[in-house]
Protein backbone atom coordinates (compact mmCIF):
# COMPACT_ATOMS: atom_id res chain seq x y z
CA MET A 1 81.59 86.67 74.45
CA ARG A 2 82.81 90.93 74.53
CA HIS A 3 85.20 92.35 76.85
CA ILE A 4 84.49 95.39 78.01
CA LYS A 5 87.33 98.33 77.38
CA ASP A 6 88.49 100.99 79.14
CA SER A 7 86.20 103.40 76.82
CA ASP A 8 83.27 102.15 77.66
CA ILE A 9 83.01 102.87 81.05
CA PRO A 10 83.65 106.62 82.11
CA SER A 11 84.74 106.53 85.48
CA SER A 12 82.08 108.87 86.49
CA GLU A 13 79.35 106.65 85.58
CA ILE A 14 78.36 103.40 85.88
CA THR A 15 75.18 101.60 84.73
CA PRO A 16 75.60 97.95 85.28
CA GLN A 17 72.54 96.75 83.31
CA ARG A 18 73.77 98.86 80.43
CA LEU A 19 77.02 97.91 80.35
CA TYR A 20 77.05 93.92 80.33
CA ASN A 21 73.10 93.06 80.10
CA ALA A 22 73.86 91.42 76.92
CA ARG A 23 76.39 88.91 78.89
CA ARG A 24 73.79 87.84 81.84
CA ASP A 25 71.11 85.35 79.74
CA PHE A 26 70.50 82.54 82.01
CA LEU A 27 71.77 79.35 80.04
CA THR A 28 71.22 76.32 81.65
CA THR A 29 72.89 74.13 79.54
CA SER A 30 75.58 76.72 79.21
CA VAL A 31 76.10 75.96 83.39
CA GLY A 32 75.75 72.53 83.65
CA LEU A 33 78.28 72.10 80.09
CA THR A 34 80.69 74.05 81.73
CA LEU A 35 80.46 72.49 85.59
CA ALA A 36 81.25 69.12 83.47
CA GLY A 37 83.91 70.57 82.21
CA LEU A 38 82.96 70.83 78.61
CA LEU A 39 83.13 74.30 77.96
CA PRO A 40 85.68 76.71 79.13
CA ASN A 41 83.83 78.54 82.31
CA THR A 42 84.06 81.97 81.20
CA HIS A 43 81.41 81.24 78.64
CA ALA A 44 78.32 80.34 81.03
CA LYS A 45 76.45 82.96 82.18
CA LEU A 46 74.65 83.17 85.56
CA PRO A 47 70.97 84.61 86.37
CA ALA A 48 70.92 88.22 86.46
CA GLY A 49 71.75 89.14 90.28
CA LYS A 50 69.67 92.44 92.03
CA VAL A 51 72.61 94.84 92.17
CA SER A 52 73.57 95.24 96.16
CA SER A 53 72.87 98.73 97.92
CA PHE A 54 76.35 98.10 99.22
CA SER A 55 78.01 98.22 95.68
CA THR A 56 80.19 100.98 94.70
CA THR A 57 79.00 103.30 91.73
CA GLU A 58 83.08 103.64 90.56
CA GLY A 59 83.78 102.53 87.19
CA LEU A 60 84.38 98.60 86.88
CA THR A 61 87.69 97.44 86.22
CA PRO A 62 87.99 95.91 82.56
CA PHE A 63 87.54 92.51 82.32
CA LYS A 64 90.49 91.99 80.59
CA HIS A 65 92.02 92.84 83.29
CA VAL A 66 89.88 91.20 86.31
CA THR A 67 90.44 87.91 84.18
CA GLY A 68 94.60 88.63 83.51
CA TYR A 69 95.99 90.22 86.50
CA ASN A 70 95.81 87.71 89.25
CA ASN A 71 97.68 86.58 92.01
CA PHE A 72 97.03 82.66 92.52
CA TYR A 73 100.07 81.14 93.45
CA GLU A 74 99.24 77.59 93.01
CA PHE A 75 99.58 78.49 89.13
CA GLY A 76 102.58 80.51 88.99
CA THR A 77 103.82 83.75 91.29
CA ASN A 78 103.66 86.81 87.74
CA LYS A 79 100.29 88.09 87.38
CA ASP A 80 99.82 86.18 84.07
CA ASP A 81 100.75 82.67 85.26
CA PRO A 82 97.02 81.76 86.61
CA ALA A 83 95.08 82.75 83.57
CA ILE A 84 98.17 81.19 81.22
CA HIS A 85 97.65 77.63 83.66
CA ALA A 86 94.65 77.60 85.64
CA GLN A 87 92.44 76.20 82.82
CA LYS A 88 93.88 72.83 83.67
CA MET A 89 91.85 72.86 87.59
CA ARG A 90 89.33 70.33 88.03
CA ILE A 91 86.14 72.36 88.99
CA ALA A 92 83.47 69.30 88.32
CA PRO A 93 82.75 68.01 90.66
CA TRP A 94 83.26 70.07 93.30
CA GLN A 95 82.16 69.80 97.04
CA ILE A 96 82.87 72.01 99.87
CA LEU A 97 83.20 70.67 103.54
CA ILE A 98 82.18 72.69 105.71
CA ASP A 99 82.64 71.02 109.73
CA GLY A 100 85.01 71.83 113.03
CA LEU A 101 82.79 73.61 116.04
CA VAL A 102 78.88 73.30 114.22
CA LYS A 103 75.68 70.99 115.28
CA LYS A 104 75.19 69.72 111.94
CA PRO A 105 78.76 68.82 109.78
CA LYS A 106 77.68 69.35 105.85
CA THR A 107 79.33 68.68 102.51
CA LEU A 108 77.40 70.72 99.82
CA GLY A 109 78.33 70.20 95.97
CA PHE A 110 78.67 73.45 94.03
CA GLU A 111 75.01 72.62 92.44
CA ASP A 112 73.65 72.50 95.96
CA ILE A 113 75.57 76.10 96.59
CA LEU A 114 73.69 77.50 93.89
CA LYS A 115 70.54 76.92 95.34
CA LEU A 116 71.19 78.51 98.77
CA ALA A 117 70.26 82.02 97.89
CA PRO A 118 69.20 83.71 95.18
CA LEU A 119 72.37 85.89 93.16
CA GLU A 120 73.27 89.35 94.36
CA GLU A 121 75.69 91.84 92.05
CA ARG A 122 78.10 92.88 94.36
CA ILE A 123 80.11 95.73 92.94
CA TYR A 124 83.13 95.88 95.38
CA ARG A 125 86.70 98.24 95.55
CA LEU A 126 89.98 94.68 95.81
CA ARG A 127 92.76 96.10 97.11
CA CYS A 128 96.30 93.83 96.92
CA VAL A 129 98.73 94.23 99.32
CA GLU A 130 101.30 94.72 96.62
CA GLY A 131 99.51 97.98 96.33
CA TRP A 132 96.90 97.90 93.32
CA SER A 133 93.77 97.51 92.86
CA MET A 134 90.35 96.83 91.05
CA VAL A 135 86.32 97.26 90.86
CA ILE A 136 84.79 94.08 90.36
CA PRO A 137 81.37 93.39 89.88
CA TRP A 138 81.11 89.82 91.50
CA LEU A 139 78.09 87.74 91.59
CA GLY A 140 77.37 85.94 94.86
CA PHE A 141 74.98 85.71 97.82
CA PRO A 142 76.60 86.76 101.97
CA LEU A 143 78.68 84.52 103.65
CA SER A 144 76.50 83.81 106.08
CA VAL A 145 73.86 81.98 104.37
CA LEU A 146 76.32 78.80 103.65
CA LEU A 147 78.16 79.43 107.27
CA LYS A 148 74.78 78.60 108.78
CA GLN A 149 73.74 75.93 107.42
CA VAL A 150 75.98 74.10 109.56
CA GLU A 151 74.73 75.48 112.87
CA PRO A 152 77.68 77.21 114.62
CA LEU A 153 78.30 76.34 117.89
CA GLY A 154 78.40 79.05 120.42
CA SER A 155 82.50 78.04 121.10
CA ALA A 156 83.15 79.00 117.53
CA LYS A 157 84.90 82.27 117.21
CA TYR A 158 87.20 81.93 114.27
CA ILE A 159 86.21 80.76 110.39
CA GLU A 160 89.39 78.90 108.66
CA PHE A 161 89.27 77.93 104.42
CA PHE A 162 90.96 75.97 102.59
CA THR A 163 91.89 76.31 98.76
CA ALA A 164 92.18 73.26 96.87
CA VAL A 165 95.49 71.55 95.87
CA GLN A 166 95.65 69.81 92.77
CA PRO A 167 99.42 68.73 91.93
CA ASP A 168 98.86 67.51 88.51
CA THR A 169 97.11 71.07 88.23
CA MET A 170 98.96 73.37 89.70
CA PRO A 171 102.00 73.83 88.89
CA GLY A 172 102.96 76.45 91.57
CA VAL A 173 102.30 73.68 94.52
CA SER A 174 105.67 72.12 93.42
CA ARG A 175 107.41 75.55 94.23
CA GLN A 176 107.58 75.75 98.71
CA VAL A 177 106.62 79.42 97.92
CA LEU A 178 103.87 78.97 100.87
CA ASP A 179 103.02 75.74 103.30
CA TRP A 180 99.90 74.29 101.18
CA PRO A 181 97.18 73.96 101.28
CA TYR A 182 96.62 77.64 100.81
CA VAL A 183 94.48 78.44 104.24
CA GLU A 184 93.08 81.98 105.46
CA GLY A 185 90.72 82.59 107.84
CA LEU A 186 88.01 85.70 110.05
CA ARG A 187 86.60 85.86 112.75
CA LEU A 188 83.65 85.14 112.83
CA ASP A 189 81.83 88.04 113.02
CA GLU A 190 84.02 89.23 109.99
CA ALA A 191 82.78 86.04 108.45
CA LEU A 192 79.17 86.88 109.10
CA HIS A 193 79.02 90.33 108.05
CA PRO A 194 77.06 91.23 105.25
CA LEU A 195 79.42 92.70 103.33
CA THR A 196 81.59 89.31 103.14
CA ILE A 197 79.84 87.22 100.27
CA THR A 198 80.19 83.23 99.06
CA ALA A 199 81.32 84.18 94.92
CA VAL A 200 80.47 82.22 92.26
CA GLY A 201 80.58 84.50 89.32
CA LEU A 202 81.93 87.94 87.71
CA TYR A 203 80.86 90.23 85.14
CA GLY A 204 77.43 87.84 85.11
CA GLU A 205 79.23 84.71 84.11
CA LEU A 206 80.81 81.81 86.22
CA LEU A 207 84.10 82.45 87.89
CA PRO A 208 87.10 82.31 85.35
CA LYS A 209 89.36 79.36 87.39
CA GLN A 210 91.80 82.31 87.53
CA ASN A 211 89.46 84.34 89.65
CA GLY A 212 89.09 81.31 92.15
CA ALA A 213 86.49 78.86 90.31
CA PRO A 214 84.25 77.51 91.27
CA VAL A 215 83.58 79.30 94.81
CA ARG A 216 85.45 81.83 96.62
CA ILE A 217 85.03 84.07 99.57
CA VAL A 218 85.21 88.02 99.62
CA THR A 219 85.75 90.41 101.84
CA PRO A 220 86.27 93.81 100.18
CA TRP A 221 87.56 95.64 103.48
CA LYS A 222 90.85 93.54 103.42
CA TYR A 223 93.97 93.28 101.15
CA GLY A 224 92.91 90.58 98.38
CA PHE A 225 94.68 87.78 99.78
CA LYS A 226 92.38 87.17 102.64
CA SER A 227 89.50 86.42 99.78
CA GLY A 228 90.28 83.14 99.42
CA LYS A 229 89.75 81.16 96.19
CA SER A 230 88.63 77.75 95.36
CA ILE A 231 87.23 76.63 98.46
CA VAL A 232 87.25 73.00 99.10
CA ARG A 233 86.93 73.61 102.99
CA LEU A 234 85.56 75.67 105.88
CA ARG A 235 86.36 74.99 109.33
CA PHE A 236 85.11 76.32 112.43
CA THR A 237 87.42 77.00 115.19
CA GLU A 238 87.92 78.32 118.70
CA GLN A 239 91.61 79.36 118.18
CA MET A 240 92.84 81.96 115.68
CA PRO A 241 93.90 79.97 112.33
CA GLN A 242 97.49 80.28 111.69
CA THR A 243 96.97 81.61 108.08
CA SER A 244 99.40 80.80 104.85
CA TRP A 245 100.87 84.20 105.43
CA MET A 246 101.25 84.54 108.56
CA LYS A 247 103.17 81.22 108.47
CA ALA A 248 105.63 82.56 105.62
CA ASN A 249 106.45 86.10 107.40
CA THR A 250 104.54 87.17 110.41
CA THR A 251 106.28 90.54 110.44
CA GLU A 252 104.83 91.23 106.87
CA TYR A 253 101.30 89.60 107.52
CA GLY A 254 99.40 89.74 110.21
CA PHE A 255 95.92 87.78 110.86
CA TYR A 256 93.42 91.23 110.74
CA SER A 257 94.99 92.21 107.13
CA ASN A 258 93.05 95.28 106.88
CA VAL A 259 93.60 97.86 104.18
CA ASN A 260 94.94 100.57 106.58
CA PRO A 261 97.11 102.70 104.46
CA ALA A 262 98.61 104.21 107.73
CA VAL A 263 100.41 101.21 108.65
CA ASP A 264 102.85 99.77 106.17
CA HIS A 265 104.42 96.94 104.80
CA PRO A 266 107.97 96.56 105.62
CA ARG A 267 109.02 97.15 102.00
CA TRP A 268 106.22 99.80 100.58
CA SER A 269 104.11 102.35 101.57
CA GLN A 270 100.51 101.31 101.67
CA SER A 271 99.02 105.27 101.64
CA SER A 272 98.68 104.91 97.82
CA GLU A 273 97.41 102.42 95.07
CA ARG A 274 97.38 102.04 91.21
CA ARG A 275 94.06 101.23 90.14
CA ILE A 276 94.84 98.82 86.91
CA GLY A 277 94.30 99.92 83.88
CA GLU A 278 94.99 103.71 84.96
CA PHE A 279 98.52 105.58 84.96
CA LEU A 280 97.88 107.74 88.08
CA LYS A 281 97.93 106.57 91.78
CA ARG A 282 94.99 107.33 93.71
CA LYS A 283 94.92 107.65 97.85
CA THR A 284 94.05 104.50 99.91
CA LEU A 285 91.04 104.57 101.94
CA PRO A 286 90.92 103.32 105.50
CA PHE A 287 88.76 99.91 104.89
CA ASN A 288 89.39 100.05 101.61
CA GLY A 289 86.21 102.38 101.66
CA TYR A 290 84.17 100.26 103.69
CA GLU A 291 84.96 102.43 107.10
CA LYS A 292 81.32 103.30 107.99
CA GLN A 293 80.07 99.65 107.45
CA VAL A 294 83.10 97.64 109.22
CA ALA A 295 84.78 100.41 111.54
CA HIS A 296 82.74 98.84 114.55
CA LEU A 297 83.56 95.82 114.80
CA TYR A 298 87.30 96.95 115.80
CA THR A 299 86.21 99.21 118.68
CA GLY A 300 89.12 99.18 120.88
CA MET A 301 91.22 97.44 118.92
CA ASP A 302 94.73 99.37 117.93
CA LEU A 303 94.86 98.59 114.20
CA ARG A 304 98.93 99.24 113.85
CA LYS A 305 99.25 95.99 116.88
CA TYR A 306 96.66 94.17 114.72
CA PHE A 307 97.26 94.11 111.14
């Protein structure tokens, strides 16, 4: 498996097929063995996805940083803890329950999810509330495809999602950093927006465990903690969910968590960010650079109040 180096990717130009076309061979047997836990999940290829028109043309963050510098508190609070400890997490078999205010609640296995829609490559910026950012080539499909499987009721206004809890494989859950399981949520129109994706891979491979294997959500205009990892349940609700970080500290973490350089975190500025792998900081973009696509979702809202 070839790791992408900083020198391989000029910041001024990106040609995804050329950069990692060799990583994209679809090996059905490798995928099956990975899901059975017989091979490290970072070695299984996925079918090459069409590059989405939503993709940024910025240079990719090197694979070693994407998979080695993570927030996944179930495995510890240090940035290298997920890569060290997540490999013991069980990801096969894997099921996601979709229930709540729906006509047809369902439980889908990972294999079922892979069959729902063709995979697309979505090269998205990821901005962390702590002030660092990455550019990651995800593989997935719109979250709306998954949600429409259960026919939401008209009373459903929000979607709540839950991360797996495995106390025997997740050393972080023994510490009361958060109220486990990790819970996040989106307003339903945010969840159905075409930018929001169900991600099953990155860099042409199945998601590494430290990045949220086997299924995670990616909402690129929000801070990274809104993109729940290792999802086991999606629940439609009428009331706004009380998410994990809201429960932990409501003065620092609001429900919307849109990337807004004009609203500082109480302990640091959000006006600039450091792209992992780069030395100098860069200016933070409103909605993480996706303002044109999503700003209309918040028309008339005071985004300093609804942060």
